[in-house]
C-alpha cells in the first residue's frame, strides 16, 4: 500500500485548502484513513479520521466545524477540506491508511506542507 498526499500550500488566515491522499495497492487491507499534522517543534497530532465501512468520522476539537474529512472509494482517495484556516493550523499534514489487522502496521504518506499566515 502506498499513499501520495498533495494539496498543501500557503494561505492567509480565513482561507481554505483541500488536501488529497491517493491510496494504491491492496485496499482490502485498509479499514479507514486519517490525517495527522506536525507543527515545528511540536508532536504529531491526529486531526481527522474516517472509517470506510461505517463512514464514521472523528475530528480533533480544534478543527471541528472547520475541517471535513471524506473518502471517494471509487478514486481511492481521501480528502481533507480545510476552511477558515488559522495560523495554528500550520504544519506538515500526513495521511495515514489504517489497516484491518492489528498485526500489520498502518501505512503513512510523505506529507504535504500547510502554511497559514496571519
Protein backbone atom coordinates (compact mmCIF):
# COMPACT_ATOMS: atom_id res chain seq x y z
CA UNK A 1 0.00 0.00 0.00
CA UNK A 2 1.32 3.43 -0.95
CA UNK A 3 -0.04 6.87 -0.19
CA UNK A 4 0.54 10.12 -2.06
CA UNK A 5 -0.57 13.34 -0.39
CA UNK A 6 -0.96 16.68 -2.13
CA UNK A 7 -2.78 19.98 -1.90
CA UNK A 8 -0.77 21.87 0.66
CA UNK A 9 0.26 25.48 0.21
CA UNK A 10 0.41 28.91 1.73
CA UNK A 11 -2.75 30.81 2.56
CA UNK A 12 -3.82 33.70 4.72
CA UNK A 13 -5.89 33.20 7.83
CA UNK A 14 -9.51 32.61 6.92
CA UNK A 15 -8.61 30.90 3.68
CA UNK A 16 -9.24 27.32 2.56
CA UNK A 17 -7.26 24.39 1.25
CA UNK A 18 -8.23 20.89 0.20
CA UNK A 19 -5.75 18.10 0.77
CA UNK A 20 -5.85 14.84 -1.16
CA UNK A 21 -4.35 11.45 -0.43
CA UNK A 22 -4.37 8.83 -3.17
CA UNK A 23 -4.07 5.25 -1.97
CA UNK A 24 -2.73 2.47 -4.18
CA UNK A 25 -2.17 -1.22 -3.57
CA UNK A 26 -4.25 -3.80 -1.74
CA UNK A 27 -7.08 -1.64 -0.44
CA UNK A 28 -8.84 -4.65 1.07
CA UNK A 29 -6.36 -4.38 3.94
CA UNK A 30 -7.42 -0.83 4.73
CA UNK A 31 -10.19 -0.06 7.22
CA UNK A 32 -10.01 3.71 7.10
CA UNK A 33 -7.97 6.83 6.51
CA UNK A 34 -6.77 9.68 8.63
CA UNK A 35 -4.84 12.90 8.65
CA UNK A 36 -2.20 13.93 11.17
CA UNK A 37 -0.23 17.12 11.39
CA UNK A 38 3.07 18.11 12.88
CA UNK A 39 3.89 21.71 13.61
CA UNK A 40 7.50 22.86 14.04
CA UNK A 41 8.76 21.90 17.48
CA UNK A 42 5.57 20.04 18.37
CA UNK A 43 4.48 16.45 18.49
CA UNK A 44 2.48 14.88 15.70
CA UNK A 45 -1.24 15.05 16.44
CA UNK A 46 -4.27 13.38 14.88
CA UNK A 47 -6.55 15.76 13.01
CA UNK A 48 -9.32 13.65 11.48
CA UNK A 49 -10.18 10.09 10.58
CA UNK A 50 -12.83 8.17 8.68
CA UNK A 51 -13.77 4.50 8.78
CA UNK A 52 -14.61 3.28 5.29
CA UNK A 53 -17.39 0.81 6.03
CA UNK A 54 -19.21 2.99 8.55
CA UNK A 55 -18.36 6.42 7.15
CA UNK A 56 -17.68 7.25 10.79
CA UNK A 57 -15.70 10.47 11.13
CA UNK A 58 -13.75 11.90 14.02
CA UNK A 59 -12.04 15.25 14.49
CA UNK A 60 -9.74 16.83 16.99
CA UNK A 61 -11.63 19.54 18.87
CA UNK A 62 -9.57 22.38 17.41
CA UNK A 63 -10.77 21.70 13.84
CA UNK A 64 -14.39 20.73 14.46
CA UNK A 65 -16.71 22.83 12.34
CA UNK A 66 -13.85 23.92 10.06
CA UNK A 67 -12.39 20.73 8.57
CA UNK A 68 -14.19 17.94 6.74
CA UNK A 69 -12.69 14.54 6.02
CA UNK A 70 -14.11 12.40 3.24
CA UNK A 71 -13.30 9.41 1.07
CA UNK A 72 -14.05 8.64 -2.53
CA UNK A 73 -13.75 4.88 -2.70
CA UNK A 74 -14.06 4.86 -6.50
CA UNK A 75 -11.00 7.10 -6.74
CA UNK A 76 -9.20 5.51 -3.77
CA UNK A 77 -8.70 8.99 -2.43
CA UNK A 78 -9.15 10.61 0.95
CA UNK A 79 -9.67 14.35 1.27
CA UNK A 80 -9.36 16.94 3.98
CA UNK A 81 -11.28 20.12 3.25
CA UNK A 82 -9.89 22.83 5.50
CA UNK A 83 -11.88 26.04 5.88
CA UNK A 84 -11.38 29.16 7.93
CA UNK A 85 -7.74 28.29 8.42
CA UNK A 86 -5.87 29.71 11.38
CA UNK A 87 -2.11 30.24 11.86
CA UNK A 88 -2.05 27.41 14.40
CA UNK A 89 -3.12 25.04 11.61
CA UNK A 90 0.32 25.44 10.09
CA UNK A 91 2.28 22.21 9.81
CA UNK A 92 3.14 19.16 7.79
CA UNK A 93 -0.02 17.19 7.12
CA UNK A 94 0.40 13.46 6.75
CA UNK A 95 -2.18 10.96 5.60
CA UNK A 96 -2.39 7.50 7.10
CA UNK A 97 -4.15 4.34 5.98
CA UNK A 98 -5.37 2.25 8.90
CA UNK A 99 -5.01 -1.49 8.45
CA UNK A 100 -7.67 -4.00 9.39
CA UNK A 101 -5.24 -6.31 11.13
CA UNK A 102 -3.68 -5.42 14.46
CA UNK A 103 -0.65 -7.37 13.31
CA UNK A 104 0.01 -5.03 10.41
CA UNK A 105 1.40 -1.53 10.78
CA UNK A 106 -0.55 1.39 9.38
CA UNK A 107 0.71 3.00 6.18
CA UNK A 108 1.88 6.61 6.03
CA UNK A 109 2.25 9.08 3.20
CA UNK A 110 5.06 11.60 2.86
CA UNK A 111 3.07 14.65 3.91
CA UNK A 112 2.14 17.97 2.42
CA UNK A 113 3.02 21.34 3.97
CA UNK A 114 0.36 23.83 5.00
CA UNK A 115 1.34 27.36 5.99
CA UNK A 116 -1.23 29.83 7.28
CA UNK A 117 -0.18 33.43 7.77
CA UNK A 118 -1.97 35.99 9.90
